Amino acid sequence: MTFPTFSFFGFLNYMGWPRTKGLLIRKKVVAYTVVWGAVTHLVRGGIALGALRPKIAVSLLADLFSKRDWSRQPATEIWARFDPSEKVANNSDETPEEVIAGFPTPLYNNPEEGLQDFFEWEFLLTDSFSAHYHCLFGEGLIWGLSHPEEALARHEEQRQKYLKNLPDMLSYGLDVHAPETLEEYADAMEESVNGFQDEIRPLAEVTQELLDLPAIAARLAPPVIKAG
């Protein structure tokens, strides 16, 4: 098992899914809103770790590409293929995690409507869907590593907008709470990564090929202390 799988299905389980649907033909399903939440949670977690916990982010990248043949597939190809910087920059009206996840944000008139659209459980177990959310998590890590200041600024901007609307949402009886800061999100993801390593397995060793990438080397370099 990989960390993205551990996190994705852990989120679904925490939310109480899958559930059984149907009368004559019973099948397991997960609500669209819950899958959307699990994917954006995973991408946001990757961004938070990349921006604020670069060593953990690099370890997770190494684990994602642990089977890569570095002699035939240079590390530079990872950034060229998975760096989402351009699409994030071109969609500044959306949050970075929404842009990277690429899932249409679910909009419903009431919470009950959000439980009427489903993904079949068997689909969420397919290799193709697994590869999809693994790629999205990697993009989140890479964007966070590449744009730590922007990640912090954009998350806080969205958090302040949400806080401004929070009283109205509470007055309508919605079950909502104040969103976490990116630092708090990074703390929670770090704890989850530690849990994965305690319960499942340690992460793969970071290869020198990854450490030599300029974007990673810059983030892991010790801070320069100016004299005087």
C-alpha atoms as a PDB file:
ATOM      1  CA  MET A   1       0.000   0.000   0.000  1.00  0.00           C
ATOM      2  CA  THR A   2       1.099   3.577  -0.697  1.00  0.00           C
ATOM      3  CA  PHE A   3       0.489   6.681   1.380  1.00  0.00           C
ATOM      4  CA  PRO A   4      -2.013   8.224  -1.089  1.00  0.00           C
ATOM      5  CA  THR A   5      -4.109   5.032  -0.931  1.00  0.00           C
ATOM      6  CA  PHE A   6      -3.831   4.995   2.867  1.00  0.00           C
ATOM      7  CA  SER A   7      -4.980   8.625   3.041  1.00  0.00           C
ATOM      8  CA  PHE A   8      -7.720   8.425   0.384  1.00  0.00           C
ATOM      9  CA  PHE A   9      -9.485   5.385   1.787  1.00  0.00           C
ATOM     10  CA  GLY A  10      -8.882   6.536   5.338  1.00  0.00           C
ATOM     11  CA  PHE A  11     -10.839   9.694   4.492  1.00  0.00           C
ATOM     12  CA  LEU A  12     -13.713   7.672   3.023  1.00  0.00           C
ATOM     13  CA  ASN A  13     -13.805   5.409   6.059  1.00  0.00           C
ATOM     14  CA  TYR A  14     -13.788   8.380   8.428  1.00  0.00           C
ATOM     15  CA  MET A  15     -16.766   9.823   6.554  1.00  0.00           C
ATOM     16  CA  GLY A  16     -18.660   6.535   6.861  1.00  0.00           C
ATOM     17  CA  TRP A  17     -18.353   5.282   3.275  1.00  0.00           C
ATOM     18  CA  PRO A  18     -18.870   3.111   1.260  1.00  0.00           C
ATOM     19  CA  ARG A  19     -22.587   2.508   1.807  1.00  0.00           C
ATOM     20  CA  THR A  20     -24.950   0.064   0.154  1.00  0.00           C
ATOM     21  CA  LYS A  21     -27.491   1.310  -2.371  1.00  0.00           C
ATOM     22  CA  GLY A  22     -30.299  -0.410  -4.290  1.00  0.00           C
ATOM     23  CA  LEU A  23     -33.247  -2.669  -3.582  1.00  0.00           C
ATOM     24  CA  LEU A  24     -33.000  -5.707  -5.850  1.00  0.00           C
ATOM     25  CA  ILE A  25     -29.358  -5.262  -6.834  1.00  0.00           C
ATOM     26  CA  ARG A  26     -27.338  -4.081  -3.875  1.00  0.00           C
ATOM     27  CA  LYS A  27     -24.007  -2.406  -4.546  1.00  0.00           C
ATOM     28  CA  LYS A  28     -21.484  -0.380  -2.618  1.00  0.00           C
ATOM     29  CA  VAL A  29     -21.224   3.293  -3.529  1.00  0.00           C
ATOM     30  CA  VAL A  30     -19.575   6.511  -2.342  1.00  0.00           C
ATOM     31  CA  ALA A  31     -21.213   9.926  -2.727  1.00  0.00           C
ATOM     32  CA  TYR A  32     -19.626  12.234  -5.292  1.00  0.00           C
ATOM     33  CA  THR A  33     -19.162  14.950  -2.670  1.00  0.00           C
ATOM     34  CA  VAL A  34     -17.214  12.546  -0.445  1.00  0.00           C
ATOM     35  CA  VAL A  35     -14.920  11.404  -3.270  1.00  0.00           C
ATOM     36  CA  TRP A  36     -14.411  15.060  -4.249  1.00  0.00           C
ATOM     37  CA  GLY A  37     -13.568  15.825  -0.625  1.00  0.00           C
ATOM     38  CA  ALA A  38     -11.129  12.917  -0.372  1.00  0.00           C
ATOM     39  CA  VAL A  39      -9.262  13.896  -3.558  1.00  0.00           C
ATOM     40  CA  THR A  40      -9.043  17.612  -2.720  1.00  0.00           C
ATOM     41  CA  HIS A  41      -7.997  16.702   0.837  1.00  0.00           C
ATOM     42  CA  LEU A  42      -5.176  14.594  -0.580  1.00  0.00           C
ATOM     43  CA  VAL A  43      -4.025  17.303  -2.995  1.00  0.00           C
ATOM     44  CA  ARG A  44      -4.247  20.025  -0.329  1.00  0.00           C
ATOM     45  CA  GLY A  45      -2.208  17.790   1.961  1.00  0.00           C
ATOM     46  CA  GLY A  46       0.437  17.402  -0.731  1.00  0.00           C
ATOM     47  CA  ILE A  47       0.591  21.169  -1.175  1.00  0.00           C
ATOM     48  CA  ALA A  48       0.893  21.733   2.586  1.00  0.00           C
ATOM     49  CA  LEU A  49       3.700  19.201   2.931  1.00  0.00           C
ATOM     50  CA  GLY A  50       5.528  20.525  -0.118  1.00  0.00           C
ATOM     51  CA  ALA A  51       5.312  24.104   1.117  1.00  0.00           C
ATOM     52  CA  LEU A  52       5.989  23.551   4.827  1.00  0.00           C
ATOM     53  CA  ARG A  53       7.490  20.067   5.261  1.00  0.00           C
ATOM     54  CA  PRO A  54       9.807  19.748   2.248  1.00  0.00           C
ATOM     55  CA  LYS A  55      11.804  16.793   3.631  1.00  0.00           C
ATOM     56  CA  ILE A  56       8.626  14.759   4.087  1.00  0.00           C
ATOM     57  CA  ALA A  57       7.374  15.858   0.654  1.00  0.00           C
ATOM     58  CA  VAL A  58      10.592  14.687  -1.007  1.00  0.00           C
ATOM     59  CA  SER A  59      10.395  11.361   0.844  1.00  0.00           C
ATOM     60  CA  LEU A  60       6.846  10.915  -0.432  1.00  0.00           C
ATOM     61  CA  LEU A  61       7.940  11.737  -3.992  1.00  0.00           C
ATOM     62  CA  ALA A  62      10.710   9.168  -3.671  1.00  0.00           C
ATOM     63  CA  ASP A  63       8.160   6.634  -2.508  1.00  0.00           C
ATOM     64  CA  LEU A  64       5.801   7.425  -5.392  1.00  0.00           C
ATOM     65  CA  PHE A  65       8.624   6.851  -7.886  1.00  0.00           C
ATOM     66  CA  SER A  66      10.407   4.048  -6.023  1.00  0.00           C
ATOM     67  CA  LYS A  67      10.109   1.687  -9.027  1.00  0.00           C
ATOM     68  CA  ARG A  68      11.421   4.223 -11.526  1.00  0.00           C
ATOM     69  CA  ASP A  69      14.484   3.314 -13.598  1.00  0.00           C
ATOM     70  CA  TRP A  70      16.465   6.508 -13.123  1.00  0.00           C
ATOM     71  CA  SER A  71      19.012   5.537 -15.788  1.00  0.00           C
ATOM     72  CA  ARG A  72      16.300   5.535 -18.453  1.00  0.00           C
ATOM     73  CA  GLN A  73      13.897   8.053 -16.944  1.00  0.00           C
ATOM     74  CA  PRO A  74      15.801  11.117 -15.682  1.00  0.00           C
ATOM     75  CA  ALA A  75      14.478  12.870 -12.594  1.00  0.00           C
ATOM     76  CA  THR A  76      14.073  16.081 -14.594  1.00  0.00           C
ATOM     77  CA  GLU A  77      11.205  14.439 -16.466  1.00  0.00           C
ATOM     78  CA  ILE A  78       9.171  14.355 -13.237  1.00  0.00           C
ATOM     79  CA  TRP A  79       8.969  18.154 -13.043  1.00  0.00           C
ATOM     80  CA  ALA A  80       8.399  18.469 -16.772  1.00  0.00           C
ATOM     81  CA  ARG A  81       5.474  16.045 -16.666  1.00  0.00           C
ATOM     82  CA  PHE A  82       3.859  16.633 -13.288  1.00  0.00           C
ATOM     83  CA  ASP A  83       4.491  20.294 -12.451  1.00  0.00           C
ATOM     84  CA  PRO A  84       1.008  21.933 -12.423  1.00  0.00           C
ATOM     85  CA  SER A  85       2.321  25.494 -12.094  1.00  0.00           C
ATOM     86  CA  GLU A  86       0.967  26.693 -15.436  1.00  0.00           C
ATOM     87  CA  LYS A  87      -2.593  25.472 -14.951  1.00  0.00           C
ATOM     88  CA  VAL A  88      -2.668  26.794 -11.372  1.00  0.00           C
ATOM     89  CA  ALA A  89      -1.468  30.207 -12.580  1.00  0.00           C
ATOM     90  CA  ASN A  90      -4.080  30.234 -15.350  1.00  0.00           C
ATOM     91  CA  ASN A  91      -6.953  29.517 -12.948  1.00  0.00           C
ATOM     92  CA  SER A  92      -6.402  31.995 -10.134  1.00  0.00           C
ATOM     93  CA  ASP A  93     -10.144  32.185  -9.426  1.00  0.00           C
ATOM     94  CA  GLU A  94     -10.021  28.635  -8.052  1.00  0.00           C
ATOM     95  CA  THR A  95      -7.991  27.237  -5.168  1.00  0.00           C
ATOM     96  CA  PRO A  96      -4.783  25.429  -6.193  1.00  0.00           C
ATOM     97  CA  GLU A  97      -6.111  22.106  -4.880  1.00  0.00           C
ATOM     98  CA  GLU A  98      -9.305  22.467  -6.918  1.00  0.00           C
ATOM     99  CA  VAL A  99      -7.323  23.259 -10.071  1.00  0.00           C
ATOM    100  CA  ILE A 100      -4.965  20.329  -9.564  1.00  0.00           C
ATOM    101  CA  ALA A 101      -7.703  17.886  -8.570  1.00  0.00           C
ATOM    102  CA  GLY A 102      -9.727  18.811 -11.639  1.00  0.00           C
ATOM    103  CA  PHE A 103     -12.991  17.685 -10.050  1.00  0.00           C
ATOM    104  CA  PRO A 104     -15.943  20.017 -10.644  1.00  0.00           C
ATOM    105  CA  THR A 105     -16.845  21.519  -7.276  1.00  0.00           C
ATOM    106  CA  PRO A 106     -20.160  19.989  -6.152  1.00  0.00           C
ATOM    107  CA  LEU A 107     -22.860  22.656  -5.851  1.00  0.00           C
ATOM    108  CA  TYR A 108     -26.167  21.654  -4.294  1.00  0.00           C
ATOM    109  CA  ASN A 109     -29.107  23.510  -2.805  1.00  0.00           C
ATOM    110  CA  ASN A 110     -28.927  21.442   0.364  1.00  0.00           C
ATOM    111  CA  PRO A 111     -26.629  18.751   1.868  1.00  0.00           C
ATOM    112  CA  GLU A 112     -29.098  15.945   1.084  1.00  0.00           C
ATOM    113  CA  GLU A 113     -28.755  16.572  -2.659  1.00  0.00           C
ATOM    114  CA  GLY A 114     -25.051  15.897  -2.360  1.00  0.00           C
ATOM    115  CA  LEU A 115     -25.784  12.307  -1.359  1.00  0.00           C
ATOM    116  CA  GLN A 116     -27.679  11.479  -4.549  1.00  0.00           C
ATOM    117  CA  ASP A 117     -24.748  11.325  -7.001  1.00  0.00           C
ATOM    118  CA  PHE A 118     -22.432   8.360  -6.561  1.00  0.00           C
ATOM    119  CA  PHE A 119     -19.267   6.603  -7.615  1.00  0.00           C
ATOM    120  CA  GLU A 120     -19.473   2.832  -7.563  1.00  0.00           C
ATOM    121  CA  TRP A 121     -17.081   1.335  -5.012  1.00  0.00           C
ATOM    122  CA  GLU A 122     -15.598  -1.057  -7.550  1.00  0.00           C
ATOM    123  CA  PHE A 123     -14.571   1.879  -9.744  1.00  0.00           C
ATOM    124  CA  LEU A 124     -12.656   3.484  -6.868  1.00  0.00           C
ATOM    125  CA  LEU A 125     -10.666   0.252  -6.509  1.00  0.00           C
ATOM    126  CA  THR A 126      -9.506   0.157 -10.142  1.00  0.00           C
ATOM    127  CA  ASP A 127      -5.873   0.651 -11.102  1.00  0.00           C
ATOM    128  CA  SER A 128      -6.811   3.536 -13.391  1.00  0.00           C
ATOM    129  CA  PHE A 129      -8.491   5.549 -10.623  1.00  0.00           C
ATOM    130  CA  SER A 130      -5.639   4.732  -8.235  1.00  0.00           C
ATOM    131  CA  ALA A 131      -3.101   6.003 -10.773  1.00  0.00           C
ATOM    132  CA  HIS A 132      -5.198   9.158 -11.169  1.00  0.00           C
ATOM    133  CA  TYR A 133      -5.198  10.222  -7.515  1.00  0.00           C
ATOM    134  CA  HIS A 134      -1.544   9.202  -7.118  1.00  0.00           C
ATOM    135  CA  CYS A 135      -0.642  11.601  -9.945  1.00  0.00           C
ATOM    136  CA  LEU A 136      -2.736  14.368  -8.401  1.00  0.00           C
ATOM    137  CA  PHE A 137      -1.035  13.906  -5.027  1.00  0.00           C
ATOM    138  CA  GLY A 138       2.347  14.104  -6.737  1.00  0.00           C
ATOM    139  CA  GLU A 139       1.294  17.325  -8.462  1.00  0.00           C
ATOM    140  CA  GLY A 140       0.273  18.769  -5.101  1.00  0.00           C
ATOM    141  CA  LEU A 141       3.662  17.902  -3.600  1.00  0.00           C
ATOM    142  CA  ILE A 142       5.515  19.414  -6.557  1.00  0.00           C
ATOM    143  CA  TRP A 143       3.480  22.628  -6.602  1.00  0.00           C
ATOM    144  CA  GLY A 144       3.926  23.099  -2.865  1.00  0.00           C
ATOM    145  CA  LEU A 145       7.672  22.499  -3.127  1.00  0.00           C
ATOM    146  CA  SER A 146       7.936  24.947  -6.029  1.00  0.00           C
ATOM    147  CA  HIS A 147       5.689  27.712  -4.652  1.00  0.00           C
ATOM    148  CA  PRO A 148       5.760  27.709  -0.835  1.00  0.00           C
ATOM    149  CA  GLU A 149       5.035  31.411  -0.382  1.00  0.00           C
ATOM    150  CA  GLU A 150       2.185  31.409  -2.903  1.00  0.00           C
ATOM    151  CA  ALA A 151       0.740  28.269  -1.323  1.00  0.00           C
ATOM    152  CA  LEU A 152       0.617  29.977   2.065  1.00  0.00           C
ATOM    153  CA  ALA A 153      -0.797  33.221   0.672  1.00  0.00           C
ATOM    154  CA  ARG A 154      -3.540  31.630  -1.432  1.00  0.00           C
ATOM    155  CA  HIS A 155      -4.612  29.255   1.300  1.00  0.00           C
ATOM    156  CA  GLU A 156      -4.866  32.084   3.802  1.00  0.00           C
ATOM    157  CA  GLU A 157      -6.788  34.230   1.327  1.00  0.00           C
ATOM    158  CA  GLN A 158      -9.374  31.483   0.872  1.00  0.00           C
ATOM    159  CA  ARG A 159      -9.458  30.832   4.618  1.00  0.00           C
ATOM    160  CA  GLN A 160     -10.253  34.484   5.355  1.00  0.00           C
ATOM    161  CA  LYS A 161     -13.048  34.493   2.755  1.00  0.00           C
ATOM    162  CA  TYR A 162     -14.515  31.390   4.376  1.00  0.00           C
ATOM    163  CA  LEU A 163     -14.274  32.909   7.859  1.00  0.00           C
ATOM    164  CA  LYS A 164     -16.093  36.010   6.611  1.00  0.00           C
ATOM    165  CA  ASN A 165     -18.999  33.838   5.418  1.00  0.00           C
ATOM    166  CA  LEU A 166     -18.963  31.504   8.401  1.00  0.00           C
ATOM    167  CA  PRO A 167     -21.577  33.390  10.499  1.00  0.00           C
ATOM    168  CA  ASP A 168     -24.090  33.277   7.633  1.00  0.00           C
ATOM    169  CA  MET A 169     -23.499  29.561   7.092  1.00  0.00           C
ATOM    170  CA  LEU A 170     -23.996  28.860  10.776  1.00  0.00           C
ATOM    171  CA  SER A 171     -27.203  30.945  10.814  1.00  0.00           C
ATOM    172  CA  TYR A 172     -28.582  28.657   8.080  1.00  0.00           C
ATOM    173  CA  GLY A 173     -27.955  25.665  10.308  1.00  0.00           C
ATOM    174  CA  LEU A 174     -25.058  24.275   8.275  1.00  0.00           C
ATOM    175  CA  ASP A 175     -22.631  22.000  10.104  1.00  0.00           C
ATOM    176  CA  VAL A 176     -19.428  23.908   9.362  1.00  0.00           C
ATOM    177  CA  HIS A 177     -16.336  24.978  11.263  1.00  0.00           C
ATOM    178  CA  ALA A 178     -13.414  27.345  10.859  1.00  0.00           C
ATOM    179  CA  PRO A 179     -10.905  25.994   8.301  1.00  0.00           C
ATOM    180  CA  GLU A 180      -7.388  25.055   9.338  1.00  0.00           C
ATOM    181  CA  THR A 181      -4.360  27.157   8.510  1.00  0.00           C
ATOM    182  CA  LEU A 182      -1.920  25.582   6.059  1.00  0.00           C
ATOM    183  CA  GLU A 183       0.453  24.996   8.979  1.00  0.00           C
ATOM    184  CA  GLU A 184      -2.251  23.081  10.835  1.00  0.00           C
ATOM    185  CA  TYR A 185      -2.944  21.097   7.682  1.00  0.00           C
ATOM    186  CA  ALA A 186       0.746  20.252   7.355  1.00  0.00           C
ATOM    187  CA  ASP A 187       0.794  19.114  10.992  1.00  0.00           C
ATOM    188  CA  ALA A 188      -2.151  16.785  10.393  1.00  0.00           C
ATOM    189  CA  MET A 189      -0.617  15.371   7.213  1.00  0.00           C
ATOM    190  CA  GLU A 190       2.719  14.828   8.927  1.00  0.00           C
ATOM    191  CA  GLU A 191       0.930  12.891  11.652  1.00  0.00           C
ATOM    192  CA  SER A 192      -0.838  10.837   8.974  1.00  0.00           C
ATOM    193  CA  VAL A 193       2.464  10.055   7.229  1.00  0.00           C
ATOM    194  CA  ASN A 194       3.933   8.944  10.553  1.00  0.00           C
ATOM    195  CA  GLY A 195       0.872   6.771  11.119  1.00  0.00           C
ATOM    196  CA  PHE A 196       1.327   5.184   7.696  1.00  0.00           C
ATOM    197  CA  GLN A 197       4.935   4.348   8.495  1.00  0.00           C
ATOM    198  CA  ASP A 198       4.008   2.909  11.903  1.00  0.00           C
ATOM    199  CA  GLU A 199       1.080   0.830  10.632  1.00  0.00           C
ATOM    200  CA  ILE A 200       2.059  -0.099   7.060  1.00  0.00           C
ATOM    201  CA  ARG A 201       5.719   0.367   6.125  1.00  0.00           C
ATOM    202  CA  PRO A 202       8.511   2.947   5.992  1.00  0.00           C
ATOM    203  CA  LEU A 203       8.796   5.236   2.996  1.00  0.00           C
ATOM    204  CA  ALA A 204      11.336   4.434   0.298  1.00  0.00           C
ATOM    205  CA  GLU A 205      14.813   5.894   0.516  1.00  0.00           C
ATOM    206  CA  VAL A 206      15.304   9.221  -1.262  1.00  0.00           C
ATOM    207  CA  THR A 207      17.539   8.784  -4.292  1.00  0.00           C
ATOM    208  CA  GLN A 208      20.376  11.114  -5.195  1.00  0.00           C
ATOM    209  CA  GLU A 209      18.695  11.762  -8.544  1.00  0.00           C
ATOM    210  CA  LEU A 210      15.823  13.474  -6.742  1.00  0.00           C
ATOM    211  CA  LEU A 211      18.099  15.342  -4.356  1.00  0.00           C
ATOM    212  CA  ASP A 212      20.025  16.756  -7.315  1.00  0.00           C
ATOM    213  CA  LEU A 213      16.939  18.373  -8.854  1.00  0.00           C
ATOM    214  CA  PRO A 214      17.372  22.174  -8.534  1.00  0.00           C
ATOM    215  CA  ALA A 215      13.871  22.727  -7.113  1.00  0.00           C
ATOM    216  CA  ILE A 216      14.428  20.116  -4.403  1.00  0.00           C
ATOM    217  CA  ALA A 217      18.034  21.075  -3.684  1.00  0.00           C
ATOM    218  CA  ALA A 218      16.963  24.687  -3.143  1.00  0.00           C
ATOM    219  CA  ARG A 219      14.254  23.705  -0.642  1.00  0.00           C
ATOM    220  CA  LEU A 220      16.453  21.300   1.328  1.00  0.00           C
ATOM    221  CA  ALA A 221      19.530  23.541   1.426  1.00  0.00           C
ATOM    222  CA  PRO A 222      20.440  24.764   4.918  1.00  0.00           C
ATOM    223  CA  PRO A 223      19.557  28.411   5.554  1.00  0.00           C
ATOM    224  CA  VAL A 224      22.309  30.928   4.916  1.00  0.00           C
ATOM    225  CA  ILE A 225      23.171  32.899   8.046  1.00  0.00           C
ATOM    226  CA  LYS A 226      24.516  36.333   7.270  1.00  0.00           C
ATOM    227  CA  ALA A 227      27.335  37.564   9.432  1.00  0.00           C
ATOM    228  CA  GLY A 228      26.927  40.674  11.522  1.00  0.00           C
END
